[in-house]
Amino acid sequence: MTALEVVSISTLDVALVTPREVFKSAILSNSASIILAHSHPSGDTTPSKEDVELTERVKNAGDILGIELLDHIIVADGRHFSLRENGLM
């Protein structure tokens, strides 16, 4: 790991994130790949429809930029859910 960036701080139930914001620091850091991670305060690590859609948008943007999305991880209550490990990306 060469960089860790906070891209967005959410409200209680939504985080507004765009691929542009995700890749800004990745480009400036000359990154070859990224991992997305966020928390679910509810304690449920199940990805929402919006989580899956964001993952797909970021993956597609990364493909264009030549920056691979390695995984999108959801954390909650000491547990995690990997979208890659669960076939959602």
PDB file of N, CA and C in Angstrom:
ATOM      1  N   MET A   1       0.856  -1.176   0.000  1.00  0.00           N
ATOM      2  CA  MET A   1       0.000   0.000   0.000  1.00  0.00           C
ATOM      3  C   MET A   1       0.894   1.229   0.000  1.00  0.00           C
ATOM      4  N   THR A   2       0.562   2.151  -0.868  1.00  0.00           N
ATOM      5  CA  THR A   2       1.323   3.393  -0.917  1.00  0.00           C
ATOM      6  C   THR A   2       0.514   4.591  -0.474  1.00  0.00           C
ATOM      7  N   ALA A   3      -0.816   4.459  -0.447  1.00  0.00           N
ATOM      8  CA  ALA A   3      -1.652   5.598  -0.057  1.00  0.00           C
ATOM      9  C   ALA A   3      -2.974   5.104   0.510  1.00  0.00           C
ATOM     10  N   LEU A   4      -3.495   5.865   1.444  1.00  0.00           N
ATOM     11  CA  LEU A   4      -4.818   5.621   2.001  1.00  0.00           C
ATOM     12  C   LEU A   4      -5.544   6.949   1.967  1.00  0.00           C
ATOM     13  N   GLU A   5      -6.698   6.983   1.327  1.00  0.00           N
ATOM     14  CA  GLU A   5      -7.442   8.232   1.152  1.00  0.00           C
ATOM     15  C   GLU A   5      -8.882   8.081   1.611  1.00  0.00           C
ATOM     16  N   VAL A   6      -9.375   9.057   2.340  1.00  0.00           N
ATOM     17  CA  VAL A   6     -10.799   9.145   2.647  1.00  0.00           C
ATOM     18  C   VAL A   6     -11.427   9.950   1.517  1.00  0.00           C
ATOM     19  N   VAL A   7     -12.335   9.329   0.793  1.00  0.00           N
ATOM     20  CA  VAL A   7     -12.955   9.974  -0.368  1.00  0.00           C
ATOM     21  C   VAL A   7     -14.250  10.653   0.020  1.00  0.00           C
ATOM     22  N   SER A   8     -14.986  10.052   0.955  1.00  0.00           N
ATOM     23  CA  SER A   8     -16.275  10.603   1.327  1.00  0.00           C
ATOM     24  C   SER A   8     -16.601  10.205   2.762  1.00  0.00           C
ATOM     25  N   ILE A   9     -17.242  11.112   3.471  1.00  0.00           N
ATOM     26  CA  ILE A   9     -17.785  10.801   4.791  1.00  0.00           C
ATOM     27  C   ILE A   9     -19.293  10.900   4.653  1.00  0.00           C
ATOM     28  N   SER A  10     -19.950   9.817   5.007  1.00  0.00           N
ATOM     29  CA  SER A  10     -21.377   9.723   4.722  1.00  0.00           C
ATOM     30  C   SER A  10     -22.241  10.387   5.778  1.00  0.00           C
ATOM     31  N   THR A  11     -23.514  10.517   5.411  1.00  0.00           N
ATOM     32  CA  THR A  11     -24.545  10.860   6.375  1.00  0.00           C
ATOM     33  C   THR A  11     -24.970   9.550   7.022  1.00  0.00           C
ATOM     34  N   LEU A  12     -26.031   9.555   7.755  1.00  0.00           N
ATOM     35  CA  LEU A  12     -26.485   8.345   8.437  1.00  0.00           C
ATOM     36  C   LEU A  12     -26.773   7.197   7.483  1.00  0.00           C
ATOM     37  N   ASP A  13     -27.336   7.499   6.317  1.00  0.00           N
ATOM     38  CA  ASP A  13     -27.755   6.407   5.435  1.00  0.00           C
ATOM     39  C   ASP A  13     -27.297   6.515   3.988  1.00  0.00           C
ATOM     40  N   VAL A  14     -26.423   7.469   3.676  1.00  0.00           N
ATOM     41  CA  VAL A  14     -25.980   7.578   2.286  1.00  0.00           C
ATOM     42  C   VAL A  14     -24.599   8.231   2.209  1.00  0.00           C
ATOM     43  N   ALA A  15     -23.806   7.742   1.265  1.00  0.00           N
ATOM     44  CA  ALA A  15     -22.511   8.352   0.966  1.00  0.00           C
ATOM     45  C   ALA A  15     -22.514   8.699  -0.517  1.00  0.00           C
ATOM     46  N   LEU A  16     -22.282   9.930  -0.837  1.00  0.00           N
ATOM     47  CA  LEU A  16     -22.243  10.353  -2.228  1.00  0.00           C
ATOM     48  C   LEU A  16     -20.803  10.255  -2.723  1.00  0.00           C
ATOM     49  N   VAL A  17     -20.585   9.299  -3.606  1.00  0.00           N
ATOM     50  CA  VAL A  17     -19.250   9.039  -4.129  1.00  0.00           C
ATOM     51  C   VAL A  17     -19.349   8.893  -5.635  1.00  0.00           C
ATOM     52  N   THR A  18     -18.410   9.496  -6.344  1.00  0.00           N
ATOM     53  CA  THR A  18     -18.349   9.337  -7.789  1.00  0.00           C
ATOM     54  C   THR A  18     -17.001   8.744  -8.167  1.00  0.00           C
ATOM     55  N   PRO A  19     -16.923   8.041  -9.293  1.00  0.00           N
ATOM     56  CA  PRO A  19     -15.629   7.529  -9.745  1.00  0.00           C
ATOM     57  C   PRO A  19     -14.576   8.642  -9.861  1.00  0.00           C
ATOM     58  N   ARG A  20     -14.975   9.826 -10.227  1.00  0.00           N
ATOM     59  CA  ARG A  20     -14.042  10.953 -10.343  1.00  0.00           C
ATOM     60  C   ARG A  20     -13.332  11.191  -9.019  1.00  0.00           C
ATOM     61  N   GLU A  21     -14.090  11.194  -7.927  1.00  0.00           N
ATOM     62  CA  GLU A  21     -13.498  11.403  -6.603  1.00  0.00           C
ATOM     63  C   GLU A  21     -12.615  10.235  -6.198  1.00  0.00           C
ATOM     64  N   VAL A  22     -13.044   9.021  -6.529  1.00  0.00           N
ATOM     65  CA  VAL A  22     -12.275   7.832  -6.177  1.00  0.00           C
ATOM     66  C   VAL A  22     -10.915   7.848  -6.864  1.00  0.00           C
ATOM     67  N   PHE A  23     -10.891   8.192  -8.132  1.00  0.00           N
ATOM     68  CA  PHE A  23      -9.657   8.076  -8.899  1.00  0.00           C
ATOM     69  C   PHE A  23      -8.755   9.300  -8.834  1.00  0.00           C
ATOM     70  N   LYS A  24      -9.224  10.404  -8.293  1.00  0.00           N
ATOM     71  CA  LYS A  24      -8.383  11.597  -8.210  1.00  0.00           C
ATOM     72  C   LYS A  24      -7.071  11.291  -7.494  1.00  0.00           C
ATOM     73  N   SER A  25      -7.142  10.780  -6.281  1.00  0.00           N
ATOM     74  CA  SER A  25      -5.906  10.511  -5.541  1.00  0.00           C
ATOM     75  C   SER A  25      -5.152   9.319  -6.128  1.00  0.00           C
ATOM     76  N   ALA A  26      -5.870   8.353  -6.707  1.00  0.00           N
ATOM     77  CA  ALA A  26      -5.191   7.211  -7.333  1.00  0.00           C
ATOM     78  C   ALA A  26      -4.326   7.678  -8.498  1.00  0.00           C
ATOM     79  N   ILE A  27      -4.838   8.594  -9.286  1.00  0.00           N
ATOM     80  CA  ILE A  27      -4.067   9.129 -10.413  1.00  0.00           C
ATOM     81  C   ILE A  27      -2.882   9.935  -9.901  1.00  0.00           C
ATOM     82  N   LEU A  28      -3.131  10.803  -8.920  1.00  0.00           N
ATOM     83  CA  LEU A  28      -2.048  11.625  -8.372  1.00  0.00           C
ATOM     84  C   LEU A  28      -0.979  10.784  -7.674  1.00  0.00           C
ATOM     85  N   SER A  29      -1.363   9.603  -7.170  1.00  0.00           N
ATOM     86  CA  SER A  29      -0.412   8.698  -6.510  1.00  0.00           C
ATOM     87  C   SER A  29       0.230   7.722  -7.490  1.00  0.00           C
ATOM     88  N   ASN A  30      -0.139   7.830  -8.757  1.00  0.00           N
ATOM     89  CA  ASN A  30       0.376   6.929  -9.799  1.00  0.00           C
ATOM     90  C   ASN A  30       0.068   5.472  -9.478  1.00  0.00           C
ATOM     91  N   SER A  31      -1.139   5.218  -8.994  1.00  0.00           N
ATOM     92  CA  SER A  31      -1.543   3.875  -8.583  1.00  0.00           C
ATOM     93  C   SER A  31      -1.854   2.982  -9.771  1.00  0.00           C
ATOM     94  N   ALA A  32      -1.503   1.714  -9.644  1.00  0.00           N
ATOM     95  CA  ALA A  32      -1.846   0.720 -10.648  1.00  0.00           C
ATOM     96  C   ALA A  32      -3.158   0.032 -10.301  1.00  0.00           C
ATOM     97  N   SER A  33      -3.538   0.095  -9.011  1.00  0.00           N
ATOM     98  CA  SER A  33      -4.761  -0.564  -8.569  1.00  0.00           C
ATOM     99  C   SER A  33      -5.267   0.108  -7.297  1.00  0.00           C
ATOM    100  N   ILE A  34      -6.550  -0.147  -6.997  1.00  0.00           N
ATOM    101  CA  ILE A  34      -7.170   0.396  -5.782  1.00  0.00           C
ATOM    102  C   ILE A  34      -8.058  -0.658  -5.151  1.00  0.00           C
ATOM    103  N   ILE A  35      -8.348  -0.459  -3.878  1.00  0.00           N
ATOM    104  CA  ILE A  35      -9.345  -1.234  -3.149  1.00  0.00           C
ATOM    105  C   ILE A  35     -10.296  -0.237  -2.508  1.00  0.00           C
ATOM    106  N   LEU A  36     -11.588  -0.422  -2.719  1.00  0.00           N
ATOM    107  CA  LEU A  36     -12.590   0.398  -2.054  1.00  0.00           C
ATOM    108  C   LEU A  36     -12.981  -0.275  -0.749  1.00  0.00           C
ATOM    109  N   ALA A  37     -13.272   0.515   0.263  1.00  0.00           N
ATOM    110  CA  ALA A  37     -13.771  -0.025   1.526  1.00  0.00           C
ATOM    111  C   ALA A  37     -14.684   1.001   2.161  1.00  0.00           C
ATOM    112  N   HIS A  38     -15.725   0.515   2.782  1.00  0.00           N
ATOM    113  CA  HIS A  38     -16.604   1.403   3.541  1.00  0.00           C
ATOM    114  C   HIS A  38     -17.300   0.605   4.641  1.00  0.00           C
ATOM    115  N   SER A  39     -17.885   1.321   5.572  1.00  0.00           N
ATOM    116  CA  SER A  39     -18.548   0.660   6.688  1.00  0.00           C
ATOM    117  C   SER A  39     -20.061   0.752   6.559  1.00  0.00           C
ATOM    118  N   HIS A  40     -20.717  -0.194   7.189  1.00  0.00           N
ATOM    119  CA  HIS A  40     -22.164  -0.180   7.332  1.00  0.00           C
ATOM    120  C   HIS A  40     -22.457  -0.057   8.823  1.00  0.00           C
ATOM    121  N   PRO A  41     -22.841   1.127   9.273  1.00  0.00           N
ATOM    122  CA  PRO A  41     -23.114   1.319  10.702  1.00  0.00           C
ATOM    123  C   PRO A  41     -24.213   0.410  11.244  1.00  0.00           C
ATOM    124  N   SER A  42     -25.052  -0.111  10.374  1.00  0.00           N
ATOM    125  CA  SER A  42     -26.136  -1.005  10.808  1.00  0.00           C
ATOM    126  C   SER A  42     -25.605  -2.313  11.377  1.00  0.00           C
ATOM    127  N   GLY A  43     -24.371  -2.654  11.043  1.00  0.00           N
ATOM    128  CA  GLY A  43     -23.803  -3.921  11.472  1.00  0.00           C
ATOM    129  C   GLY A  43     -23.979  -5.041  10.467  1.00  0.00           C
ATOM    130  N   ASP A  44     -24.775  -4.821   9.436  1.00  0.00           N
ATOM    131  CA  ASP A  44     -25.030  -5.805   8.384  1.00  0.00           C
ATOM    132  C   ASP A  44     -24.070  -5.556   7.233  1.00  0.00           C
ATOM    133  N   THR A  45     -23.235  -6.530   6.904  1.00  0.00           N
ATOM    134  CA  THR A  45     -22.254  -6.342   5.831  1.00  0.00           C
ATOM    135  C   THR A  45     -22.811  -6.622   4.434  1.00  0.00           C
ATOM    136  N   THR A  46     -24.079  -6.980   4.342  1.00  0.00           N
ATOM    137  CA  THR A  46     -24.676  -7.262   3.035  1.00  0.00           C
ATOM    138  C   THR A  46     -24.636  -6.010   2.165  1.00  0.00           C
ATOM    139  N   PRO A  47     -24.072  -6.124   0.941  1.00  0.00           N
ATOM    140  CA  PRO A  47     -24.005  -4.945   0.078  1.00  0.00           C
ATOM    141  C   PRO A  47     -25.394  -4.528  -0.408  1.00  0.00           C
ATOM    142  N   SER A  48     -25.591  -3.217  -0.463  1.00  0.00           N
ATOM    143  CA  SER A  48     -26.844  -2.687  -1.007  1.00  0.00           C
ATOM    144  C   SER A  48     -26.773  -2.682  -2.531  1.00  0.00           C
ATOM    145  N   LYS A  49     -27.896  -2.459  -3.160  1.00  0.00           N
ATOM    146  CA  LYS A  49     -27.941  -2.309  -4.615  1.00  0.00           C
ATOM    147  C   LYS A  49     -27.012  -1.176  -5.035  1.00  0.00           C
ATOM    148  N   GLU A  50     -26.995  -0.082  -4.270  1.00  0.00           N
ATOM    149  CA  GLU A  50     -26.138   1.067  -4.571  1.00  0.00           C
ATOM    150  C   GLU A  50     -24.653   0.705  -4.434  1.00  0.00           C
ATOM    151  N   ASP A  51     -24.313  -0.144  -3.464  1.00  0.00           N
ATOM    152  CA  ASP A  51     -22.918  -0.598  -3.317  1.00  0.00           C
ATOM    153  C   ASP A  51     -22.464  -1.350  -4.561  1.00  0.00           C
ATOM    154  N   VAL A  52     -23.305  -2.241  -5.036  1.00  0.00           N
ATOM    155  CA  VAL A  52     -22.972  -3.049  -6.215  1.00  0.00           C
ATOM    156  C   VAL A  52     -22.879  -2.156  -7.454  1.00  0.00           C
ATOM    157  N   GLU A  53     -23.804  -1.208  -7.596  1.00  0.00           N
ATOM    158  CA  GLU A  53     -23.783  -0.296  -8.745  1.00  0.00           C
ATOM    159  C   GLU A  53     -22.541   0.590  -8.730  1.00  0.00           C
ATOM    160  N   LEU A  54     -22.176   1.113  -7.555  1.00  0.00           N
ATOM    161  CA  LEU A  54     -20.969   1.931  -7.450  1.00  0.00           C
ATOM    162  C   LEU A  54     -19.740   1.107  -7.821  1.00  0.00           C
ATOM    163  N   THR A  55     -19.683  -0.116  -7.348  1.00  0.00           N
ATOM    164  CA  THR A  55     -18.555  -0.990  -7.664  1.00  0.00           C
ATOM    165  C   THR A  55     -18.410  -1.143  -9.170  1.00  0.00           C
ATOM    166  N   GLU A  56     -19.502  -1.370  -9.850  1.00  0.00           N
ATOM    167  CA  GLU A  56     -19.469  -1.548 -11.307  1.00  0.00           C
ATOM    168  C   GLU A  56     -19.019  -0.257 -12.011  1.00  0.00           C
ATOM    169  N   ARG A  57     -19.533   0.893 -11.557  1.00  0.00           N
ATOM    170  CA  ARG A  57     -19.130   2.167 -12.171  1.00  0.00           C
ATOM    171  C   ARG A  57     -17.644   2.435 -11.967  1.00  0.00           C
ATOM    172  N   VAL A  58     -17.160   2.181 -10.755  1.00  0.00           N
ATOM    173  CA  VAL A  58     -15.738   2.409 -10.464  1.00  0.00           C
ATOM    174  C   VAL A  58     -14.876   1.424 -11.255  1.00  0.00           C
ATOM    175  N   LYS A  59     -15.289   0.165 -11.329  1.00  0.00           N
ATOM    176  CA  LYS A  59     -14.541  -0.824 -12.097  1.00  0.00           C
ATOM    177  C   LYS A  59     -14.454  -0.413 -13.563  1.00  0.00           C
ATOM    178  N   ASN A  60     -15.559   0.022 -14.148  1.00  0.00           N
ATOM    179  CA  ASN A  60     -15.568   0.443 -15.550  1.00  0.00           C
ATOM    180  C   ASN A  60     -14.680   1.665 -15.770  1.00  0.00           C
ATOM    181  N   ALA A  61     -14.745   2.629 -14.875  1.00  0.00           N
ATOM    182  CA  ALA A  61     -13.890   3.815 -14.987  1.00  0.00           C
ATOM    183  C   ALA A  61     -12.423   3.420 -14.856  1.00  0.00           C
ATOM    184  N   GLY A  62     -12.128   2.523 -13.922  1.00  0.00           N
ATOM    185  CA  GLY A  62     -10.759   2.055 -13.747  1.00  0.00           C
ATOM    186  C   GLY A  62     -10.237   1.340 -14.977  1.00  0.00           C
ATOM    187  N   ASP A  63     -11.093   0.561 -15.630  1.00  0.00           N
ATOM    188  CA  ASP A  63     -10.692  -0.112 -16.869  1.00  0.00           C
ATOM    189  C   ASP A  63     -10.265   0.914 -17.917  1.00  0.00           C
ATOM    190  N   ILE A  64     -11.000   1.999 -18.026  1.00  0.00           N
ATOM    191  CA  ILE A  64     -10.667   3.052 -18.986  1.00  0.00           C
ATOM    192  C   ILE A  64      -9.347   3.726 -18.615  1.00  0.00           C
ATOM    193  N   LEU A  65      -9.148   3.966 -17.313  1.00  0.00           N
ATOM    194  CA  LEU A  65      -7.955   4.668 -16.839  1.00  0.00           C
ATOM    195  C   LEU A  65      -6.730   3.769 -16.716  1.00  0.00           C
ATOM    196  N   GLY A  66      -6.936   2.471 -16.750  1.00  0.00           N
ATOM    197  CA  GLY A  66      -5.824   1.553 -16.551  1.00  0.00           C
ATOM    198  C   GLY A  66      -5.466   1.379 -15.082  1.00  0.00           C
ATOM    199  N   ILE A  67      -6.447   1.568 -14.209  1.00  0.00           N
ATOM    200  CA  ILE A  67      -6.265   1.375 -12.772  1.00  0.00           C
ATOM    201  C   ILE A  67      -7.251   0.300 -12.325  1.00  0.00           C
ATOM    202  N   GLU A  68      -6.720  -0.842 -11.924  1.00  0.00           N
ATOM    203  CA  GLU A  68      -7.565  -1.991 -11.606  1.00  0.00           C
ATOM    204  C   GLU A  68      -8.235  -1.848 -10.241  1.00  0.00           C
ATOM    205  N   LEU A  69      -9.529  -2.137 -10.187  1.00  0.00           N
ATOM    206  CA  LEU A  69     -10.246  -2.234  -8.919  1.00  0.00           C
ATOM    207  C   LEU A  69     -10.074  -3.663  -8.417  1.00  0.00           C
ATOM    208  N   LEU A  70      -9.299  -3.837  -7.339  1.00  0.00           N
ATOM    209  CA  LEU A  70      -9.010  -5.169  -6.821  1.00  0.00           C
ATOM    210  C   LEU A  70     -10.162  -5.737  -6.012  1.00  0.00           C
ATOM    211  N   ASP A  71     -10.850  -4.890  -5.247  1.00  0.00           N
ATOM    212  CA  ASP A  71     -11.940  -5.371  -4.407  1.00  0.00           C
ATOM    213  C   ASP A  71     -12.712  -4.182  -3.859  1.00  0.00           C
ATOM    214  N   HIS A  72     -13.889  -4.453  -3.376  1.00  0.00           N
ATOM    215  CA  HIS A  72     -14.699  -3.494  -2.626  1.00  0.00           C
ATOM    216  C   HIS A  72     -15.132  -4.238  -1.376  1.00  0.00           C
ATOM    217  N   ILE A  73     -14.713  -3.733  -0.235  1.00  0.00           N
ATOM    218  CA  ILE A  73     -14.932  -4.421   1.033  1.00  0.00           C
ATOM    219  C   ILE A  73     -15.855  -3.595   1.914  1.00  0.00           C
ATOM    220  N   ILE A  74     -16.839  -4.267   2.495  1.00  0.00           N
ATOM    221  CA  ILE A  74     -17.759  -3.639   3.447  1.00  0.00           C
ATOM    222  C   ILE A  74     -17.422  -4.192   4.827  1.00  0.00           C
ATOM    223  N   VAL A  75     -17.255  -3.293   5.782  1.00  0.00           N
ATOM    224  CA  VAL A  75     -16.933  -3.716   7.148  1.00  0.00           C
ATOM    225  C   VAL A  75     -18.044  -3.285   8.098  1.00  0.00           C
ATOM    226  N   ALA A  76     -18.267  -4.128   9.127  1.00  0.00           N
ATOM    227  CA  ALA A  76     -19.275  -3.830  10.151  1.00  0.00           C
ATOM    228  C   ALA A  76     -19.103  -4.799  11.305  1.00  0.00           C
ATOM    229  N   ASP A  77     -19.093  -4.271  12.499  1.00  0.00           N
ATOM    230  CA  ASP A  77     -19.047  -5.091  13.718  1.00  0.00           C
ATOM    231  C   ASP A  77     -17.956  -6.160  13.692  1.00  0.00           C
ATOM    232  N   GLY A  78     -16.761  -5.792  13.249  1.00  0.00           N
ATOM    233  CA  GLY A  78     -15.644  -6.727  13.246  1.00  0.00           C
ATOM    234  C   GLY A  78     -15.699  -7.787  12.163  1.00  0.00           C
ATOM    235  N   ARG A  79     -16.641  -7.668  11.242  1.00  0.00           N
ATOM    236  CA  ARG A  79     -16.768  -8.603  10.119  1.00  0.00           C
ATOM    237  C   ARG A  79     -16.557  -7.844   8.820  1.00  0.00           C
ATOM    238  N   HIS A  80     -16.368  -8.583   7.736  1.00  0.00           N
ATOM    239  CA  HIS A  80     -16.233  -7.926   6.436  1.00  0.00           C
ATOM    240  C   HIS A  80     -16.933  -8.758   5.354  1.00  0.00           C
ATOM    241  N   PHE A  81     -17.213  -8.093   4.245  1.00  0.00           N
ATOM    242  CA  PHE A  81     -17.815  -8.729   3.071  1.00  0.00           C
ATOM    243  C   PHE A  81     -17.034  -8.242   1.869  1.00  0.00           C
ATOM    244  N   SER A  82     -16.424  -9.149   1.148  1.00  0.00           N
ATOM    245  CA  SER A  82     -15.672  -8.831  -0.062  1.00  0.00           C
ATOM    246  C   SER A  82     -16.559  -9.050  -1.275  1.00  0.00           C
ATOM    247  N   LEU A  83     -16.786  -8.000  -2.053  1.00  0.00           N
ATOM    248  CA  LEU A  83     -17.593  -8.170  -3.247  1.00  0.00           C
ATOM    249  C   LEU A  83     -16.894  -9.097  -4.244  1.00  0.00           C
ATOM    250  N   ARG A  84     -15.559  -9.052  -4.320  1.00  0.00           N
ATOM    251  CA  ARG A  84     -14.825  -9.936  -5.233  1.00  0.00           C
ATOM    252  C   ARG A  84     -14.983 -11.389  -4.792  1.00  0.00           C
ATOM    253  N   GLU A  85     -14.743 -11.674  -3.522  1.00  0.00           N
ATOM    254  CA  GLU A  85     -14.833 -13.047  -3.024  1.00  0.00           C
ATOM    255  C   GLU A  85     -16.227 -13.634  -3.194  1.00  0.00           C
ATOM    256  N   ASN A  86     -17.230 -12.773  -3.215  1.00  0.00           N
ATOM    257  CA  ASN A  86     -18.615 -13.226  -3.326  1.00  0.00           C
ATOM    258  C   ASN A  86     -19.181 -13.086  -4.733  1.00  0.00           C
ATOM    259  N   GLY A  87     -18.305 -12.893  -5.722  1.00  0.00           N
ATOM    260  CA  GLY A  87     -18.704 -12.885  -7.122  1.00  0.00           C
ATOM    261  C   GLY A  87     -19.546 -11.712  -7.568  1.00  0.00           C
ATOM    262  N   LEU A  88     -19.453 -10.583  -6.856  1.00  0.00           N
ATOM    263  CA  LEU A  88     -20.268  -9.414  -7.217  1.00  0.00           C
ATOM    264  C   LEU A  88     -19.473  -8.368  -7.988  1.00  0.00           C
ATOM    265  N   MET A  89     -18.306  -8.743  -8.457  1.00  0.00           N
ATOM    266  CA  MET A  89     -17.537  -7.842  -9.323  1.00  0.00           C
ATOM    267  C   MET A  89     -16.654  -8.642 -10.254  1.00  0.00           C
TER     268      MET A  89
END
